[in-house]
PDB file of N, CA and C in Angstrom:
ATOM      1  N   MET A   1     -17.793 -24.499  15.839  1.00  0.00           N
ATOM      2  CA  MET A   1     -18.428 -24.167  14.807  1.00  0.00           C
ATOM      3  C   MET A   1     -17.774 -24.161  13.539  1.00  0.00           C
ATOM      4  N   ARG A   2     -17.771 -24.776  12.663  1.00  0.00           N
ATOM      5  CA  ARG A   2     -17.118 -24.174  11.372  1.00  0.00           C
ATOM      6  C   ARG A   2     -17.992 -24.052  10.344  1.00  0.00           C
ATOM      7  N   PHE A   3     -17.481 -22.755   9.490  1.00  0.00           N
ATOM      8  CA  PHE A   3     -18.502 -22.451   8.274  1.00  0.00           C
ATOM      9  C   PHE A   3     -18.108 -22.721   6.821  1.00  0.00           C
ATOM     10  N   VAL A   4     -18.359 -23.665   6.794  1.00  0.00           N
ATOM     11  CA  VAL A   4     -17.824 -24.134   5.715  1.00  0.00           C
ATOM     12  C   VAL A   4     -18.667 -24.329   4.723  1.00  0.00           C
ATOM     13  N   SER A   5     -20.259 -24.077   4.912  1.00  0.00           N
ATOM     14  CA  SER A   5     -21.157 -23.989   3.546  1.00  0.00           C
ATOM     15  C   SER A   5     -22.048 -22.642   3.812  1.00  0.00           C
ATOM     16  N   ALA A   6     -20.649 -21.641   4.031  1.00  0.00           N
ATOM     17  CA  ALA A   6     -21.718 -20.219   4.117  1.00  0.00           C
ATOM     18  C   ALA A   6     -21.441 -20.211   3.050  1.00  0.00           C
ATOM     19  N   ALA A   7     -22.037 -19.011   2.199  1.00  0.00           N
ATOM     20  CA  ALA A   7     -21.498 -18.243   0.658  1.00  0.00           C
ATOM     21  C   ALA A   7     -20.625 -17.491   0.798  1.00  0.00           C
ATOM     22  N   GLY A   8     -19.517 -17.509  -0.042  1.00  0.00           N
ATOM     23  CA  GLY A   8     -18.382 -16.553  -0.042  1.00  0.00           C
ATOM     24  C   GLY A   8     -17.581 -17.028   0.716  1.00  0.00           C
ATOM     25  N   THR A   9     -17.331 -18.302   1.371  1.00  0.00           N
ATOM     26  CA  THR A   9     -15.891 -19.075   2.255  1.00  0.00           C
ATOM     27  C   THR A   9     -15.331 -18.582   1.604  1.00  0.00           C
ATOM     28  N   ARG A  10     -13.949 -18.364   2.178  1.00  0.00           N
ATOM     29  CA  ARG A  10     -13.024 -18.297   1.475  1.00  0.00           C
ATOM     30  C   ARG A  10     -11.466 -18.896   2.805  1.00  0.00           C
ATOM     31  N   LEU A  11     -10.855 -19.340   1.934  1.00  0.00           N
ATOM     32  CA  LEU A  11      -9.634 -20.267   3.116  1.00  0.00           C
ATOM     33  C   LEU A  11      -8.774 -19.523   2.423  1.00  0.00           C
ATOM     34  N   ARG A  12      -7.754 -18.708   3.237  1.00  0.00           N
ATOM     35  CA  ARG A  12      -6.856 -17.953   2.857  1.00  0.00           C
ATOM     36  C   ARG A  12      -5.565 -19.434   3.767  1.00  0.00           C
ATOM     37  N   VAL A  13      -4.675 -18.980   3.446  1.00  0.00           N
ATOM     38  CA  VAL A  13      -2.955 -19.900   4.114  1.00  0.00           C
ATOM     39  C   VAL A  13      -2.514 -19.437   3.942  1.00  0.00           C
ATOM     40  N   VAL A  14      -1.643 -19.063   4.982  1.00  0.00           N
ATOM     41  CA  VAL A  14      -0.303 -17.796   4.730  1.00  0.00           C
ATOM     42  C   VAL A  14       1.029 -18.655   5.263  1.00  0.00           C
ATOM     43  N   GLU A  15       1.881 -19.015   4.377  1.00  0.00           N
ATOM     44  CA  GLU A  15       3.014 -19.930   4.393  1.00  0.00           C
ATOM     45  C   GLU A  15       4.149 -18.993   5.166  1.00  0.00           C
ATOM     46  N   GLY A  16       4.483 -19.975   6.353  1.00  0.00           N
ATOM     47  CA  GLY A  16       5.405 -19.493   7.378  1.00  0.00           C
ATOM     48  C   GLY A  16       4.768 -18.730   7.801  1.00  0.00           C
ATOM     49  N   GLY A  17       3.198 -18.685   8.441  1.00  0.00           N
ATOM     50  CA  GLY A  17       2.673 -17.577   9.407  1.00  0.00           C
ATOM     51  C   GLY A  17       2.962 -18.365  10.936  1.00  0.00           C
ATOM     52  N   GLN A  18       2.972 -17.759  12.525  1.00  0.00           N
ATOM     53  CA  GLN A  18       3.388 -18.344  13.249  1.00  0.00           C
ATOM     54  C   GLN A  18       1.870 -17.666  13.700  1.00  0.00           C
ATOM     55  N   HIS A  19       1.584 -18.094  15.324  1.00  0.00           N
ATOM     56  CA  HIS A  19       0.679 -18.417  15.863  1.00  0.00           C
ATOM     57  C   HIS A  19       0.122 -16.822  15.906  1.00  0.00           C
ATOM     58  N   PHE A  20       0.693 -15.665  16.154  1.00  0.00           N
ATOM     59  CA  PHE A  20       0.184 -13.994  16.169  1.00  0.00           C
ATOM     60  C   PHE A  20       0.661 -13.626  14.427  1.00  0.00           C
ATOM     61  N   LEU A  21      -0.181 -14.188  13.748  1.00  0.00           N
ATOM     62  CA  LEU A  21       0.056 -13.896  12.416  1.00  0.00           C
ATOM     63  C   LEU A  21       0.010 -12.535  11.804  1.00  0.00           C
ATOM     64  N   SER A  22      -0.598 -11.868  12.653  1.00  0.00           N
ATOM     65  CA  SER A  22      -0.583 -10.537  12.550  1.00  0.00           C
ATOM     66  C   SER A  22       0.680  -9.684  12.294  1.00  0.00           C
ATOM     67  N   ALA A  23       1.543  -9.854  13.372  1.00  0.00           N
ATOM     68  CA  ALA A  23       3.223  -9.710  13.840  1.00  0.00           C
ATOM     69  C   ALA A  23       3.783 -10.727  12.685  1.00  0.00           C
ATOM     70  N   SER A  24       3.633 -11.895  12.607  1.00  0.00           N
ATOM     71  CA  SER A  24       4.765 -11.949  11.518  1.00  0.00           C
ATOM     72  C   SER A  24       4.728 -11.972  10.192  1.00  0.00           C
ATOM     73  N   LYS A  25       3.154 -11.946   9.660  1.00  0.00           N
ATOM     74  CA  LYS A  25       3.071 -11.533   8.524  1.00  0.00           C
ATOM     75  C   LYS A  25       2.260 -10.194   7.688  1.00  0.00           C
ATOM     76  N   PRO A  26       2.734  -9.129   8.664  1.00  0.00           N
ATOM     77  CA  PRO A  26       1.527  -7.995   8.526  1.00  0.00           C
ATOM     78  C   PRO A  26       1.150  -7.789   7.679  1.00  0.00           C
ATOM     79  N   ASP A  27       1.915  -8.051   6.416  1.00  0.00           N
ATOM     80  CA  ASP A  27       1.038  -7.009   4.755  1.00  0.00           C
ATOM     81  C   ASP A  27       0.391  -8.158   4.239  1.00  0.00           C
ATOM     82  N   ASP A  28       0.395  -9.579   4.506  1.00  0.00           N
ATOM     83  CA  ASP A  28      -0.273 -10.914   3.767  1.00  0.00           C
ATOM     84  C   ASP A  28      -1.655 -10.704   4.668  1.00  0.00           C
ATOM     85  N   VAL A  29      -1.421 -10.129   6.246  1.00  0.00           N
ATOM     86  CA  VAL A  29      -3.047  -9.867   7.067  1.00  0.00           C
ATOM     87  C   VAL A  29      -3.596  -8.698   6.496  1.00  0.00           C
ATOM     88  N   ASN A  30      -2.781  -7.538   6.117  1.00  0.00           N
ATOM     89  CA  ASN A  30      -3.733  -6.401   5.911  1.00  0.00           C
ATOM     90  C   ASN A  30      -4.437  -6.535   4.651  1.00  0.00           C
ATOM     91  N   ALA A  31      -3.723  -6.784   3.659  1.00  0.00           N
ATOM     92  CA  ALA A  31      -4.406  -7.047   2.192  1.00  0.00           C
ATOM     93  C   ALA A  31      -5.574  -8.171   2.507  1.00  0.00           C
ATOM     94  N   ALA A  32      -5.500  -9.302   3.481  1.00  0.00           N
ATOM     95  CA  ALA A  32      -6.420 -10.290   3.152  1.00  0.00           C
ATOM     96  C   ALA A  32      -7.531  -9.524   3.997  1.00  0.00           C
ATOM     97  N   ALA A  33      -7.515  -8.431   5.314  1.00  0.00           N
ATOM     98  CA  ALA A  33      -8.728  -7.680   5.930  1.00  0.00           C
ATOM     99  C   ALA A  33      -9.595  -7.042   4.918  1.00  0.00           C
ATOM    100  N   VAL A  34      -8.226  -5.930   3.931  1.00  0.00           N
ATOM    101  CA  VAL A  34      -8.966  -5.233   3.034  1.00  0.00           C
ATOM    102  C   VAL A  34      -9.607  -5.940   1.940  1.00  0.00           C
ATOM    103  N   GLU A  35      -8.992  -6.893   1.478  1.00  0.00           N
ATOM    104  CA  GLU A  35      -9.950  -7.650   0.489  1.00  0.00           C
ATOM    105  C   GLU A  35     -11.829  -8.349   1.085  1.00  0.00           C
ATOM    106  N   PHE A  36     -11.514  -8.522   2.413  1.00  0.00           N
ATOM    107  CA  PHE A  36     -12.501  -9.056   3.270  1.00  0.00           C
ATOM    108  C   PHE A  36     -13.571  -7.761   3.665  1.00  0.00           C
ATOM    109  N   ALA A  37     -13.198  -6.724   3.790  1.00  0.00           N
ATOM    110  CA  ALA A  37     -13.870  -5.472   4.032  1.00  0.00           C
ATOM    111  C   ALA A  37     -14.261  -4.884   2.282  1.00  0.00           C
ATOM    112  N   ASN A  38     -13.436  -5.076   1.745  1.00  0.00           N
ATOM    113  CA  ASN A  38     -13.974  -4.448   0.170  1.00  0.00           C
ATOM    114  C   ASN A  38     -15.487  -5.667  -0.170  1.00  0.00           C
ATOM    115  N   ARG A  39     -15.591  -6.777  -0.076  1.00  0.00           N
ATOM    116  CA  ARG A  39     -16.766  -7.474  -0.512  1.00  0.00           C
ATOM    117  C   ARG A  39     -17.816  -7.414  -0.001  1.00  0.00           C
ATOM    118  N   TRP A  40     -18.093  -6.951   1.444  1.00  0.00           N
ATOM    119  CA  TRP A  40     -18.870  -6.848   2.112  1.00  0.00           C
ATOM    120  C   TRP A  40     -19.196  -5.151   2.270  1.00  0.00           C
ATOM    121  N   THR A  41     -18.632  -3.982   1.662  1.00  0.00           N
ATOM    122  CA  THR A  41     -19.133  -2.684   1.949  1.00  0.00           C
ATOM    123  C   THR A  41     -19.498  -2.661   0.151  1.00  0.00           C
ATOM    124  N   SER A  42     -19.972  -1.376   0.088  1.00  0.00           N
ATOM    125  CA  SER A  42     -20.051  -0.393  -1.088  1.00  0.00           C
ATOM    126  C   SER A  42     -18.881   0.239  -1.887  1.00  0.00           C
ATOM    127  N   ARG A  43     -18.220   0.753  -1.028  1.00  0.00           N
ATOM    128  CA  ARG A  43     -16.775   1.395  -0.860  1.00  0.00           C
ATOM    129  C   ARG A  43     -15.481   0.591  -1.146  1.00  0.00           C
ATOM    130  N   ARG A  44     -15.090   1.372  -2.064  1.00  0.00           N
ATOM    131  CA  ARG A  44     -13.469   0.659  -2.189  1.00  0.00           C
ATOM    132  C   ARG A  44     -12.338   0.709  -1.622  1.00  0.00           C
ATOM    133  N   TRP A  45     -11.533   0.093  -0.673  1.00  0.00           N
ATOM    134  CA  TRP A  45     -10.311   0.824  -0.222  1.00  0.00           C
ATOM    135  C   TRP A  45      -8.965   0.134  -0.458  1.00  0.00           C
ATOM    136  N   CYS A  46      -8.249   0.903  -0.436  1.00  0.00           N
ATOM    137  CA  CYS A  46      -7.258   0.268  -1.086  1.00  0.00           C
ATOM    138  C   CYS A  46      -6.083   1.161   0.200  1.00  0.00           C
ATOM    139  N   VAL A  47      -4.688   0.586   0.255  1.00  0.00           N
ATOM    140  CA  VAL A  47      -3.646   1.090   0.867  1.00  0.00           C
ATOM    141  C   VAL A  47      -2.446   1.808   0.297  1.00  0.00           C
ATOM    142  N   VAL A  48      -2.274   2.382   0.352  1.00  0.00           N
ATOM    143  CA  VAL A  48      -1.174   3.743  -0.596  1.00  0.00           C
ATOM    144  C   VAL A  48      -0.220   3.940   0.568  1.00  0.00           C
ATOM    145  N   GLY A  49       1.352   3.739   0.630  1.00  0.00           N
ATOM    146  CA  GLY A  49       1.875   3.792   1.276  1.00  0.00           C
ATOM    147  C   GLY A  49       1.594   3.664   2.920  1.00  0.00           C
ATOM    148  N   GLY A  50       0.999   2.486   3.328  1.00  0.00           N
ATOM    149  CA  GLY A  50       0.581   2.033   4.746  1.00  0.00           C
ATOM    150  C   GLY A  50      -0.738   3.119   4.909  1.00  0.00           C
ATOM    151  N   VAL A  51      -1.706   4.032   3.900  1.00  0.00           N
ATOM    152  CA  VAL A  51      -1.890   3.980   4.480  1.00  0.00           C
ATOM    153  C   VAL A  51      -3.894   4.135   3.759  1.00  0.00           C
ATOM    154  N   SER A  52      -4.743   3.744   4.613  1.00  0.00           N
ATOM    155  CA  SER A  52      -5.696   3.169   4.037  1.00  0.00           C
ATOM    156  C   SER A  52      -6.800   4.259   3.194  1.00  0.00           C
ATOM    157  N   ARG A  53      -7.366   3.909   1.804  1.00  0.00           N
ATOM    158  CA  ARG A  53      -7.691   5.417   1.130  1.00  0.00           C
ATOM    159  C   ARG A  53      -9.101   4.497   0.466  1.00  0.00           C
ATOM    160  N   ILE A  54     -10.042   5.312   0.483  1.00  0.00           N
ATOM    161  CA  ILE A  54     -11.483   5.536  -0.199  1.00  0.00           C
ATOM    162  C   ILE A  54     -11.236   5.344  -1.939  1.00  0.00           C
ATOM    163  N   MET A  55     -11.345   4.118  -2.649  1.00  0.00           N
ATOM    164  CA  MET A  55     -11.243   4.588  -4.077  1.00  0.00           C
ATOM    165  C   MET A  55     -12.691   5.351  -4.719  1.00  0.00           C
TER     166      MET A  55
END
């Protein structure tokens, strides 16, 4: 099943990504995960020096 019609759907393409994307491109995956979480929470998180913090 594809969710192409869901509101707020976004496709993120990671160039050079491999099957285990979080190991081959961890910075890209982490940034996308934080962006996704921020869309669904009232608190805003940021990553500073590798540590997640509430803004």
